[in-house]
Amino acid sequence: PLLEAVFSFLKRKTDFYHIQRPGDRIGFPEGGARKLVLGAFRKFGDDANAAAPNQKELEASGQRFPPPGGAAPPDAPARPAHGAQEARPSAGALGAVQASAGARGASRELSGEG
């Protein structure tokens, strides 16, 4: 739901999905928005993978770890029950996206107008 809220906001309130045509001062060049999103995804995915513990080393040391996609260890905090109310992003979170991401500024940066 968080990513849906972010991308919904970008669609409704910014030029993030606008494809630039010659003379446009808004939007991104063809594929620019996708490149920006995938770049951020890869950056943080690579960081997470580099920081992840090596399962073979954990097994050798006798430490416990949850199997990929499996159950959490017994001492992990309980998850909300199925159907429980999900947390929704606050207006402050969406405002932070607007303030920090600045899709208009990011589009200018990609187009070289920065």
Foldseek 3Di string as FASTA:
>chain_A
DAVVVQVVCCVPPAQAVPADDPPDLFYAHVCPSVCVVVVVVVVVVVVVVVPDDDVVVCVVVVHDAADVVGDGPPVDDDDDDPPPDDDDDDPVVSVCCCVVVVNSVSRCVNVVND
